[in-house]
Amino acid sequence: MQNDSSCISRIHEKYESQTATAAERKIALYIKENMDKALHCTLLELAEQIGVSDATVVRFCKSIGYKGFQEFKICAAMELIPSGQQYHPKLQKDDDPEQICQKIFSTEITALQRTLQALDMEVIGQVGRVLSRAARISFAGTGASMMVCKDAHHKFLQVGIHVSAAEDKDVQLMEAALLHPGDVLFAVSHSGNNLHVLHAAELGRSCGASVVALTSPGKNSLAQIADYTITTVSEETIFRSEAASTRLAQLAVIDSLIAIVAFRDYDQAYQSIYKIRTATMDNKA
């Protein structure tokens, strides 16, 4: 098999290969016949649909020349999705500024509405109670998810609650390793399969801390680890974790949780708001 061959041809070659295992042929046949569906699945969802283990899917992707499932998805998407839709599925290259704004605002409003409808309010209430009682709250996330963690750090501080949201991955793991029962590890990963976030969540859980996951609907590894799972909905794209609407929905959930926590002891929160506004007022015109 040539490494520069197309993704589709690699799958066909694997299916027709005399040396392919029964599991490899099963995976190749499913993807060949359901490529679009396969690209919109997480690793665990695809493995479940095919009826094999996630490790078997990863081995299959490696056997056709990719480092793993994510590289396979990226290469397949680059082949199958028009280049103009790689950034945003509803945008066209010839859209004018008004069309671009209309489409992006519409997409993000829809994501917020769908997330609100999908929220399990019982879980939201439980997470609010766990956060309000926690001695320490440590956030874990990378890339765009780290932006959500930093926003949470800023807003929790405004209502008088100290949390950690270190950008350095090693520091996140150090924080997670030092948690205790009664503390919270708050993991943010829309894919639910970020290896670093999974490691931090596992560390926090091994220390007896409660693990809260902010992730996507469906089956993923983070949701399986977490004690409490909150899901956000974004537009239907192959790389949902990169979508701007994903971040907006996550931020709205964080804002809601902070408000819930603040109103559980509003006198204390109000005093913190007043002190912070007073401390920073000289920096504002």
C-alpha atoms as a PDB file:
ATOM      1  CA  MET A   1       0.000   0.000   0.000  1.00  0.00           C
ATOM      2  CA  GLN A   2       1.389   3.401  -1.008  1.00  0.00           C
ATOM      3  CA  ASN A   3       1.468   5.984   1.757  1.00  0.00           C
ATOM      4  CA  ASP A   4       0.426   8.724  -0.669  1.00  0.00           C
ATOM      5  CA  SER A   5      -2.701   6.862  -1.824  1.00  0.00           C
ATOM      6  CA  SER A   6      -6.113   8.315  -1.011  1.00  0.00           C
ATOM      7  CA  CYS A   7      -7.960   7.385   2.133  1.00  0.00           C
ATOM      8  CA  ILE A   8     -10.761   5.750   0.146  1.00  0.00           C
ATOM      9  CA  SER A   9      -8.334   3.656  -1.884  1.00  0.00           C
ATOM     10  CA  ARG A  10      -6.532   2.517   1.283  1.00  0.00           C
ATOM     11  CA  ILE A  11      -9.827   1.290   2.729  1.00  0.00           C
ATOM     12  CA  HIS A  12     -10.708  -0.543  -0.493  1.00  0.00           C
ATOM     13  CA  GLU A  13      -7.266  -2.123  -0.642  1.00  0.00           C
ATOM     14  CA  LYS A  14      -7.538  -3.282   2.967  1.00  0.00           C
ATOM     15  CA  TYR A  15     -10.973  -4.798   2.343  1.00  0.00           C
ATOM     16  CA  GLU A  16      -9.726  -6.689  -0.722  1.00  0.00           C
ATOM     17  CA  SER A  17      -6.404  -7.721   0.812  1.00  0.00           C
ATOM     18  CA  GLN A  18      -5.857 -11.448   1.234  1.00  0.00           C
ATOM     19  CA  THR A  19      -3.894 -10.799   4.431  1.00  0.00           C
ATOM     20  CA  ALA A  20      -6.553  -8.650   6.140  1.00  0.00           C
ATOM     21  CA  THR A  21      -8.058 -10.070   9.323  1.00  0.00           C
ATOM     22  CA  ALA A  22     -11.776 -10.642   9.685  1.00  0.00           C
ATOM     23  CA  ALA A  23     -12.009  -7.595  11.992  1.00  0.00           C
ATOM     24  CA  GLU A  24     -10.123  -5.385   9.509  1.00  0.00           C
ATOM     25  CA  ARG A  25     -12.423  -6.463   6.677  1.00  0.00           C
ATOM     26  CA  LYS A  26     -15.458  -5.785   8.866  1.00  0.00           C
ATOM     27  CA  ILE A  27     -14.244  -2.269   9.691  1.00  0.00           C
ATOM     28  CA  ALA A  28     -13.244  -1.537   6.080  1.00  0.00           C
ATOM     29  CA  LEU A  29     -16.642  -2.679   4.795  1.00  0.00           C
ATOM     30  CA  TYR A  30     -18.556  -0.548   7.304  1.00  0.00           C
ATOM     31  CA  ILE A  31     -16.527   2.600   6.621  1.00  0.00           C
ATOM     32  CA  LYS A  32     -16.653   2.011   2.854  1.00  0.00           C
ATOM     33  CA  GLU A  33     -20.449   1.848   2.965  1.00  0.00           C
ATOM     34  CA  ASN A  34     -20.998   4.486   5.688  1.00  0.00           C
ATOM     35  CA  MET A  35     -18.154   6.978   5.282  1.00  0.00           C
ATOM     36  CA  ASP A  36     -20.177  10.095   6.157  1.00  0.00           C
ATOM     37  CA  LYS A  37     -21.648   8.460   9.257  1.00  0.00           C
ATOM     38  CA  ALA A  38     -18.218   7.178  10.298  1.00  0.00           C
ATOM     39  CA  LEU A  39     -16.672  10.637  10.063  1.00  0.00           C
ATOM     40  CA  HIS A  40     -19.326  12.096  12.355  1.00  0.00           C
ATOM     41  CA  CYS A  41     -18.688   9.490  15.069  1.00  0.00           C
ATOM     42  CA  THR A  42     -16.328   9.528  17.995  1.00  0.00           C
ATOM     43  CA  LEU A  43     -13.942   6.599  18.226  1.00  0.00           C
ATOM     44  CA  LEU A  44     -16.118   4.832  20.809  1.00  0.00           C
ATOM     45  CA  GLU A  45     -19.310   5.438  18.841  1.00  0.00           C
ATOM     46  CA  LEU A  46     -17.801   4.041  15.640  1.00  0.00           C
ATOM     47  CA  ALA A  47     -16.435   0.972  17.416  1.00  0.00           C
ATOM     48  CA  GLU A  48     -19.860   0.330  18.950  1.00  0.00           C
ATOM     49  CA  GLN A  49     -21.656   0.688  15.618  1.00  0.00           C
ATOM     50  CA  ILE A  50     -19.272  -1.749  13.918  1.00  0.00           C
ATOM     51  CA  GLY A  51     -19.255  -4.167  16.844  1.00  0.00           C
ATOM     52  CA  VAL A  52     -15.538  -4.119  17.613  1.00  0.00           C
ATOM     53  CA  SER A  53     -13.374  -2.582  20.337  1.00  0.00           C
ATOM     54  CA  ASP A  54     -12.023   0.961  20.056  1.00  0.00           C
ATOM     55  CA  ALA A  55      -8.496  -0.464  20.160  1.00  0.00           C
ATOM     56  CA  THR A  56      -9.328  -2.576  17.091  1.00  0.00           C
ATOM     57  CA  VAL A  57     -10.443   0.548  15.199  1.00  0.00           C
ATOM     58  CA  VAL A  58      -7.208   2.328  16.126  1.00  0.00           C
ATOM     59  CA  ARG A  59      -5.165  -0.681  14.949  1.00  0.00           C
ATOM     60  CA  PHE A  60      -7.111  -0.665  11.687  1.00  0.00           C
ATOM     61  CA  CYS A  61      -6.314   3.023  11.113  1.00  0.00           C
ATOM     62  CA  LYS A  62      -2.627   2.310  11.759  1.00  0.00           C
ATOM     63  CA  SER A  63      -2.713  -0.675   9.409  1.00  0.00           C
ATOM     64  CA  ILE A  64      -3.752   1.590   6.514  1.00  0.00           C
ATOM     65  CA  GLY A  65      -0.983   4.078   7.201  1.00  0.00           C
ATOM     66  CA  TYR A  66      -2.325   6.563   9.760  1.00  0.00           C
ATOM     67  CA  LYS A  67      -1.105   7.345  13.263  1.00  0.00           C
ATOM     68  CA  GLY A  68      -4.551   6.723  14.673  1.00  0.00           C
ATOM     69  CA  PHE A  69      -8.255   7.457  14.357  1.00  0.00           C
ATOM     70  CA  GLN A  70      -7.928  11.249  14.470  1.00  0.00           C
ATOM     71  CA  GLU A  71      -5.412  11.378  11.621  1.00  0.00           C
ATOM     72  CA  PHE A  72      -7.661   9.070   9.613  1.00  0.00           C
ATOM     73  CA  LYS A  73     -10.643  11.409  10.172  1.00  0.00           C
ATOM     74  CA  ILE A  74      -8.626  14.486   9.239  1.00  0.00           C
ATOM     75  CA  CYS A  75      -7.324  12.949   6.004  1.00  0.00           C
ATOM     76  CA  ALA A  76     -10.717  11.544   5.039  1.00  0.00           C
ATOM     77  CA  ALA A  77     -12.402  14.884   5.698  1.00  0.00           C
ATOM     78  CA  MET A  78      -9.814  16.734   3.617  1.00  0.00           C
ATOM     79  CA  GLU A  79     -10.622  14.408   0.724  1.00  0.00           C
ATOM     80  CA  LEU A  80     -14.386  14.349   1.029  1.00  0.00           C
ATOM     81  CA  ILE A  81     -15.433  17.814   2.241  1.00  0.00           C
ATOM     82  CA  PRO A  82     -15.156  20.803  -0.125  1.00  0.00           C
ATOM     83  CA  SER A  83     -12.322  23.085   0.959  1.00  0.00           C
ATOM     84  CA  GLY A  84     -14.682  26.036   1.364  1.00  0.00           C
ATOM     85  CA  GLN A  85     -16.619  24.143   4.031  1.00  0.00           C
ATOM     86  CA  GLN A  86     -13.603  23.066   6.071  1.00  0.00           C
ATOM     87  CA  TYR A  87     -13.783  26.237   8.173  1.00  0.00           C
ATOM     88  CA  HIS A  88     -17.569  26.293   8.602  1.00  0.00           C
ATOM     89  CA  PRO A  89     -20.019  23.864   6.955  1.00  0.00           C
ATOM     90  CA  LYS A  90     -22.602  26.530   6.043  1.00  0.00           C
ATOM     91  CA  LEU A  91     -20.264  29.136   4.584  1.00  0.00           C
ATOM     92  CA  GLN A  92     -19.448  29.484   0.894  1.00  0.00           C
ATOM     93  CA  LYS A  93     -16.408  31.199  -0.566  1.00  0.00           C
ATOM     94  CA  ASP A  94     -18.555  33.777  -2.379  1.00  0.00           C
ATOM     95  CA  ASP A  95     -20.659  34.748   0.678  1.00  0.00           C
ATOM     96  CA  ASP A  96     -20.699  38.496   1.334  1.00  0.00           C
ATOM     97  CA  PRO A  97     -20.147  39.915   4.862  1.00  0.00           C
ATOM     98  CA  GLU A  98     -23.876  40.076   5.609  1.00  0.00           C
ATOM     99  CA  GLN A  99     -24.387  36.437   4.585  1.00  0.00           C
ATOM    100  CA  ILE A 100     -21.425  35.348   6.697  1.00  0.00           C
ATOM    101  CA  CYS A 101     -22.752  37.190   9.753  1.00  0.00           C
ATOM    102  CA  GLN A 102     -26.288  35.862   9.249  1.00  0.00           C
ATOM    103  CA  LYS A 103     -25.086  32.264   8.965  1.00  0.00           C
ATOM    104  CA  ILE A 104     -22.667  32.400  11.901  1.00  0.00           C
ATOM    105  CA  PHE A 105     -25.110  34.158  14.248  1.00  0.00           C
ATOM    106  CA  SER A 106     -27.879  31.738  13.257  1.00  0.00           C
ATOM    107  CA  THR A 107     -25.617  28.731  13.897  1.00  0.00           C
ATOM    108  CA  GLU A 108     -24.533  29.971  17.314  1.00  0.00           C
ATOM    109  CA  ILE A 109     -28.059  30.919  18.424  1.00  0.00           C
ATOM    110  CA  THR A 110     -29.210  27.431  17.395  1.00  0.00           C
ATOM    111  CA  ALA A 111     -26.369  25.818  19.363  1.00  0.00           C
ATOM    112  CA  LEU A 112     -27.351  27.740  22.493  1.00  0.00           C
ATOM    113  CA  GLN A 113     -31.021  26.821  22.099  1.00  0.00           C
ATOM    114  CA  ARG A 114     -30.273  23.143  21.477  1.00  0.00           C
ATOM    115  CA  THR A 115     -27.857  23.001  24.412  1.00  0.00           C
ATOM    116  CA  LEU A 116     -30.420  24.570  26.754  1.00  0.00           C
ATOM    117  CA  GLN A 117     -33.068  22.077  25.633  1.00  0.00           C
ATOM    118  CA  ALA A 118     -30.668  19.160  26.132  1.00  0.00           C
ATOM    119  CA  LEU A 119     -29.364  20.165  29.574  1.00  0.00           C
ATOM    120  CA  ASP A 120     -30.196  17.777  32.388  1.00  0.00           C
ATOM    121  CA  MET A 121     -31.265  20.275  35.047  1.00  0.00           C
ATOM    122  CA  GLU A 122     -30.978  17.705  37.813  1.00  0.00           C
ATOM    123  CA  VAL A 123     -27.302  17.236  36.935  1.00  0.00           C
ATOM    124  CA  ILE A 124     -26.802  21.007  36.685  1.00  0.00           C
ATOM    125  CA  GLY A 125     -28.215  21.373  40.200  1.00  0.00           C
ATOM    126  CA  GLN A 126     -26.005  18.560  41.508  1.00  0.00           C
ATOM    127  CA  VAL A 127     -22.893  20.111  39.971  1.00  0.00           C
ATOM    128  CA  GLY A 128     -23.823  23.496  41.447  1.00  0.00           C
ATOM    129  CA  ARG A 129     -23.996  21.943  44.915  1.00  0.00           C
ATOM    130  CA  VAL A 130     -20.719  20.049  44.469  1.00  0.00           C
ATOM    131  CA  LEU A 131     -18.912  23.189  43.283  1.00  0.00           C
ATOM    132  CA  SER A 132     -20.311  25.339  46.103  1.00  0.00           C
ATOM    133  CA  ARG A 133     -19.097  22.849  48.726  1.00  0.00           C
ATOM    134  CA  ALA A 134     -15.693  22.105  47.173  1.00  0.00           C
ATOM    135  CA  ALA A 135     -12.550  23.059  49.051  1.00  0.00           C
ATOM    136  CA  ARG A 136     -10.622  23.186  45.773  1.00  0.00           C
ATOM    137  CA  ILE A 137     -11.687  23.262  42.126  1.00  0.00           C
ATOM    138  CA  SER A 138      -9.145  22.438  39.430  1.00  0.00           C
ATOM    139  CA  PHE A 139      -9.877  22.884  35.714  1.00  0.00           C
ATOM    140  CA  ALA A 140      -8.291  20.742  33.007  1.00  0.00           C
ATOM    141  CA  GLY A 141      -8.388  21.452  29.281  1.00  0.00           C
ATOM    142  CA  THR A 142      -6.205  22.126  26.269  1.00  0.00           C
ATOM    143  CA  GLY A 143      -6.392  24.320  23.191  1.00  0.00           C
ATOM    144  CA  ALA A 144      -9.754  26.022  22.770  1.00  0.00           C
ATOM    145  CA  SER A 145     -11.081  24.200  25.845  1.00  0.00           C
ATOM    146  CA  MET A 146      -8.383  25.952  27.865  1.00  0.00           C
ATOM    147  CA  MET A 147      -9.998  29.255  26.897  1.00  0.00           C
ATOM    148  CA  VAL A 148     -13.187  28.046  28.589  1.00  0.00           C
ATOM    149  CA  CYS A 149     -11.182  27.068  31.679  1.00  0.00           C
ATOM    150  CA  LYS A 150      -9.539  30.511  31.855  1.00  0.00           C
ATOM    151  CA  ASP A 151     -12.917  32.210  31.495  1.00  0.00           C
ATOM    152  CA  ALA A 152     -14.244  30.082  34.365  1.00  0.00           C
ATOM    153  CA  HIS A 153     -11.209  31.015  36.486  1.00  0.00           C
ATOM    154  CA  HIS A 154     -11.848  34.728  35.911  1.00  0.00           C
ATOM    155  CA  LYS A 155     -15.568  34.550  36.657  1.00  0.00           C
ATOM    156  CA  PHE A 156     -15.330  32.279  39.688  1.00  0.00           C
ATOM    157  CA  LEU A 157     -12.804  34.718  41.142  1.00  0.00           C
ATOM    158  CA  GLN A 158     -15.290  37.545  40.682  1.00  0.00           C
ATOM    159  CA  VAL A 159     -17.698  35.845  43.098  1.00  0.00           C
ATOM    160  CA  GLY A 160     -14.968  35.018  45.589  1.00  0.00           C
ATOM    161  CA  ILE A 161     -14.172  31.425  44.663  1.00  0.00           C
ATOM    162  CA  HIS A 162     -10.551  30.495  44.014  1.00  0.00           C
ATOM    163  CA  VAL A 163     -10.061  27.890  41.304  1.00  0.00           C
ATOM    164  CA  SER A 164      -7.001  26.725  39.394  1.00  0.00           C
ATOM    165  CA  ALA A 165      -6.868  26.791  35.597  1.00  0.00           C
ATOM    166  CA  ALA A 166      -3.190  26.440  34.714  1.00  0.00           C
ATOM    167  CA  GLU A 167      -2.312  26.556  31.032  1.00  0.00           C
ATOM    168  CA  ASP A 168       0.707  24.289  31.441  1.00  0.00           C
ATOM    169  CA  LYS A 169      -0.291  20.640  31.023  1.00  0.00           C
ATOM    170  CA  ASP A 170       2.138  19.396  33.640  1.00  0.00           C
ATOM    171  CA  VAL A 171       0.831  21.898  36.176  1.00  0.00           C
ATOM    172  CA  GLN A 172      -2.725  20.728  35.454  1.00  0.00           C
ATOM    173  CA  LEU A 173      -1.650  17.167  36.211  1.00  0.00           C
ATOM    174  CA  MET A 174       0.170  18.293  39.365  1.00  0.00           C
ATOM    175  CA  GLU A 175      -2.985  20.078  40.541  1.00  0.00           C
ATOM    176  CA  ALA A 176      -5.081  16.992  39.794  1.00  0.00           C
ATOM    177  CA  ALA A 177      -2.679  14.709  41.659  1.00  0.00           C
ATOM    178  CA  LEU A 178      -2.987  16.836  44.827  1.00  0.00           C
ATOM    179  CA  LEU A 179      -6.781  16.840  45.030  1.00  0.00           C
ATOM    180  CA  HIS A 180      -8.644  15.206  47.909  1.00  0.00           C
ATOM    181  CA  PRO A 181     -12.165  13.955  48.616  1.00  0.00           C
ATOM    182  CA  GLY A 182     -14.440  16.993  48.598  1.00  0.00           C
ATOM    183  CA  ASP A 183     -12.428  18.678  45.824  1.00  0.00           C
ATOM    184  CA  VAL A 184     -13.494  18.894  42.176  1.00  0.00           C
ATOM    185  CA  LEU A 185     -11.653  18.166  38.928  1.00  0.00           C
ATOM    186  CA  PHE A 186     -13.563  20.029  36.207  1.00  0.00           C
ATOM    187  CA  ALA A 187     -12.596  18.564  32.815  1.00  0.00           C
ATOM    188  CA  VAL A 188     -13.423  20.383  29.569  1.00  0.00           C
ATOM    189  CA  SER A 189     -13.175  18.443  26.291  1.00  0.00           C
ATOM    190  CA  HIS A 190     -15.874  18.540  23.654  1.00  0.00           C
ATOM    191  CA  SER A 191     -14.550  15.425  21.946  1.00  0.00           C
ATOM    192  CA  GLY A 192     -14.296  13.671  25.292  1.00  0.00           C
ATOM    193  CA  ASN A 193     -11.223  11.852  24.033  1.00  0.00           C
ATOM    194  CA  ASN A 194      -8.380  14.314  24.675  1.00  0.00           C
ATOM    195  CA  LEU A 195      -5.658  12.140  26.191  1.00  0.00           C
ATOM    196  CA  HIS A 196      -4.310  14.832  28.504  1.00  0.00           C
ATOM    197  CA  VAL A 197      -7.754  15.721  29.870  1.00  0.00           C
ATOM    198  CA  LEU A 198      -8.531  12.037  30.369  1.00  0.00           C
ATOM    199  CA  HIS A 199      -5.278  11.617  32.311  1.00  0.00           C
ATOM    200  CA  ALA A 200      -6.108  14.613  34.532  1.00  0.00           C
ATOM    201  CA  ALA A 201      -9.632  13.303  35.132  1.00  0.00           C
ATOM    202  CA  GLU A 202      -8.325   9.855  36.050  1.00  0.00           C
ATOM    203  CA  LEU A 203      -5.800  11.404  38.436  1.00  0.00           C
ATOM    204  CA  GLY A 204      -8.455  13.504  40.130  1.00  0.00           C
ATOM    205  CA  ARG A 205     -10.767  10.553  40.498  1.00  0.00           C
ATOM    206  CA  SER A 206      -7.979   8.346  41.918  1.00  0.00           C
ATOM    207  CA  CYS A 207      -7.490  10.987  44.635  1.00  0.00           C
ATOM    208  CA  GLY A 208     -11.146  10.840  45.610  1.00  0.00           C
ATOM    209  CA  ALA A 209     -12.145  14.146  44.006  1.00  0.00           C
ATOM    210  CA  SER A 210     -15.448  14.516  42.163  1.00  0.00           C
ATOM    211  CA  VAL A 211     -14.980  14.686  38.390  1.00  0.00           C
ATOM    212  CA  VAL A 212     -17.229  16.991  36.365  1.00  0.00           C
ATOM    213  CA  ALA A 213     -17.094  16.699  32.570  1.00  0.00           C
ATOM    214  CA  LEU A 214     -18.148  19.375  30.101  1.00  0.00           C
ATOM    215  CA  THR A 215     -18.278  17.479  26.837  1.00  0.00           C
ATOM    216  CA  SER A 216     -20.394  16.489  23.835  1.00  0.00           C
ATOM    217  CA  PRO A 217     -23.441  14.211  23.737  1.00  0.00           C
ATOM    218  CA  GLY A 218     -22.873  10.575  22.895  1.00  0.00           C
ATOM    219  CA  LYS A 219     -20.396   7.983  23.982  1.00  0.00           C
ATOM    220  CA  ASN A 220     -16.895   9.163  24.839  1.00  0.00           C
ATOM    221  CA  SER A 221     -14.144   8.264  27.280  1.00  0.00           C
ATOM    222  CA  LEU A 222     -14.445  11.362  29.478  1.00  0.00           C
ATOM    223  CA  ALA A 223     -18.138  10.795  30.142  1.00  0.00           C
ATOM    224  CA  GLN A 224     -17.307   7.270  31.286  1.00  0.00           C
ATOM    225  CA  ILE A 225     -14.809   8.591  33.857  1.00  0.00           C
ATOM    226  CA  ALA A 226     -16.864  11.519  35.157  1.00  0.00           C
ATOM    227  CA  ASP A 227     -19.174  11.512  38.160  1.00  0.00           C
ATOM    228  CA  TYR A 228     -21.229  14.298  36.568  1.00  0.00           C
ATOM    229  CA  THR A 229     -21.496  14.924  32.833  1.00  0.00           C
ATOM    230  CA  ILE A 230     -22.815  18.125  31.245  1.00  0.00           C
ATOM    231  CA  THR A 231     -23.149  18.126  27.464  1.00  0.00           C
ATOM    232  CA  THR A 232     -23.228  20.960  24.960  1.00  0.00           C
ATOM    233  CA  VAL A 233     -24.524  20.818  21.415  1.00  0.00           C
ATOM    234  CA  SER A 234     -22.833  22.404  18.410  1.00  0.00           C
ATOM    235  CA  GLU A 235     -23.484  22.455  14.681  1.00  0.00           C
ATOM    236  CA  GLU A 236     -23.143  19.132  12.929  1.00  0.00           C
ATOM    237  CA  THR A 237     -19.571  19.181  11.696  1.00  0.00           C
ATOM    238  CA  ILE A 238     -16.956  16.467  11.567  1.00  0.00           C
ATOM    239  CA  PHE A 239     -14.661  18.366  13.904  1.00  0.00           C
ATOM    240  CA  ARG A 240     -17.289  19.558  16.365  1.00  0.00           C
ATOM    241  CA  SER A 241     -14.703  20.366  19.028  1.00  0.00           C
ATOM    242  CA  GLU A 242     -13.273  23.079  16.749  1.00  0.00           C
ATOM    243  CA  ALA A 243     -16.626  24.756  16.108  1.00  0.00           C
ATOM    244  CA  ALA A 244     -17.127  28.287  17.435  1.00  0.00           C
ATOM    245  CA  SER A 245     -20.647  27.374  18.547  1.00  0.00           C
ATOM    246  CA  THR A 246     -19.155  24.679  20.785  1.00  0.00           C
ATOM    247  CA  ARG A 247     -17.181  27.262  22.719  1.00  0.00           C
ATOM    248  CA  LEU A 248     -20.167  29.612  23.008  1.00  0.00           C
ATOM    249  CA  ALA A 249     -22.366  26.862  24.442  1.00  0.00           C
ATOM    250  CA  GLN A 250     -19.644  25.821  26.894  1.00  0.00           C
ATOM    251  CA  LEU A 251     -19.222  29.406  28.081  1.00  0.00           C
ATOM    252  CA  ALA A 252     -22.974  29.709  28.624  1.00  0.00           C
ATOM    253  CA  VAL A 253     -22.936  26.569  30.781  1.00  0.00           C
ATOM    254  CA  ILE A 254     -20.012  27.928  32.824  1.00  0.00           C
ATOM    255  CA  ASP A 255     -21.814  31.258  33.299  1.00  0.00           C
ATOM    256  CA  SER A 256     -24.915  29.408  34.499  1.00  0.00           C
ATOM    257  CA  LEU A 257     -22.976  27.274  36.982  1.00  0.00           C
ATOM    258  CA  ILE A 258     -21.168  30.291  38.420  1.00  0.00           C
ATOM    259  CA  ALA A 259     -24.476  32.114  38.904  1.00  0.00           C
ATOM    260  CA  ILE A 260     -25.971  29.039  40.593  1.00  0.00           C
ATOM    261  CA  VAL A 261     -22.996  28.813  42.951  1.00  0.00           C
ATOM    262  CA  ALA A 262     -23.007  32.570  43.645  1.00  0.00           C
ATOM    263  CA  PHE A 263     -26.686  32.621  44.596  1.00  0.00           C
ATOM    264  CA  ARG A 264     -26.216  29.776  47.079  1.00  0.00           C
ATOM    265  CA  ASP A 265     -24.371  32.318  49.268  1.00  0.00           C
ATOM    266  CA  TYR A 266     -25.084  35.644  47.632  1.00  0.00           C
ATOM    267  CA  ASP A 267     -24.004  37.816  50.572  1.00  0.00           C
ATOM    268  CA  GLN A 268     -20.484  36.400  50.321  1.00  0.00           C
ATOM    269  CA  ALA A 269     -20.532  36.631  46.524  1.00  0.00           C
ATOM    270  CA  TYR A 270     -21.731  40.239  46.648  1.00  0.00           C
ATOM    271  CA  GLN A 271     -18.933  41.212  49.020  1.00  0.00           C
ATOM    272  CA  SER A 272     -16.411  39.647  46.642  1.00  0.00           C
ATOM    273  CA  ILE A 273     -17.899  41.458  43.653  1.00  0.00           C
ATOM    274  CA  TYR A 274     -17.678  44.763  45.544  1.00  0.00           C
ATOM    275  CA  LYS A 275     -14.069  44.178  46.626  1.00  0.00           C
ATOM    276  CA  ILE A 276     -12.965  43.211  43.118  1.00  0.00           C
ATOM    277  CA  ARG A 277     -14.671  46.194  41.507  1.00  0.00           C
ATOM    278  CA  THR A 278     -13.055  48.489  44.048  1.00  0.00           C
ATOM    279  CA  ALA A 279      -9.616  46.903  43.580  1.00  0.00           C
ATOM    280  CA  THR A 280      -9.706  47.226  39.787  1.00  0.00           C
ATOM    281  CA  MET A 281     -11.580  50.509  39.336  1.00  0.00           C
ATOM    282  CA  ASP A 282      -8.392  52.555  38.892  1.00  0.00           C
ATOM    283  CA  ASN A 283      -7.624  50.575  35.723  1.00  0.00           C
ATOM    284  CA  LYS A 284     -10.887  51.659  34.123  1.00  0.00           C
ATOM    285  CA  ALA A 285     -11.505  55.029  32.564  1.00  0.00           C
END
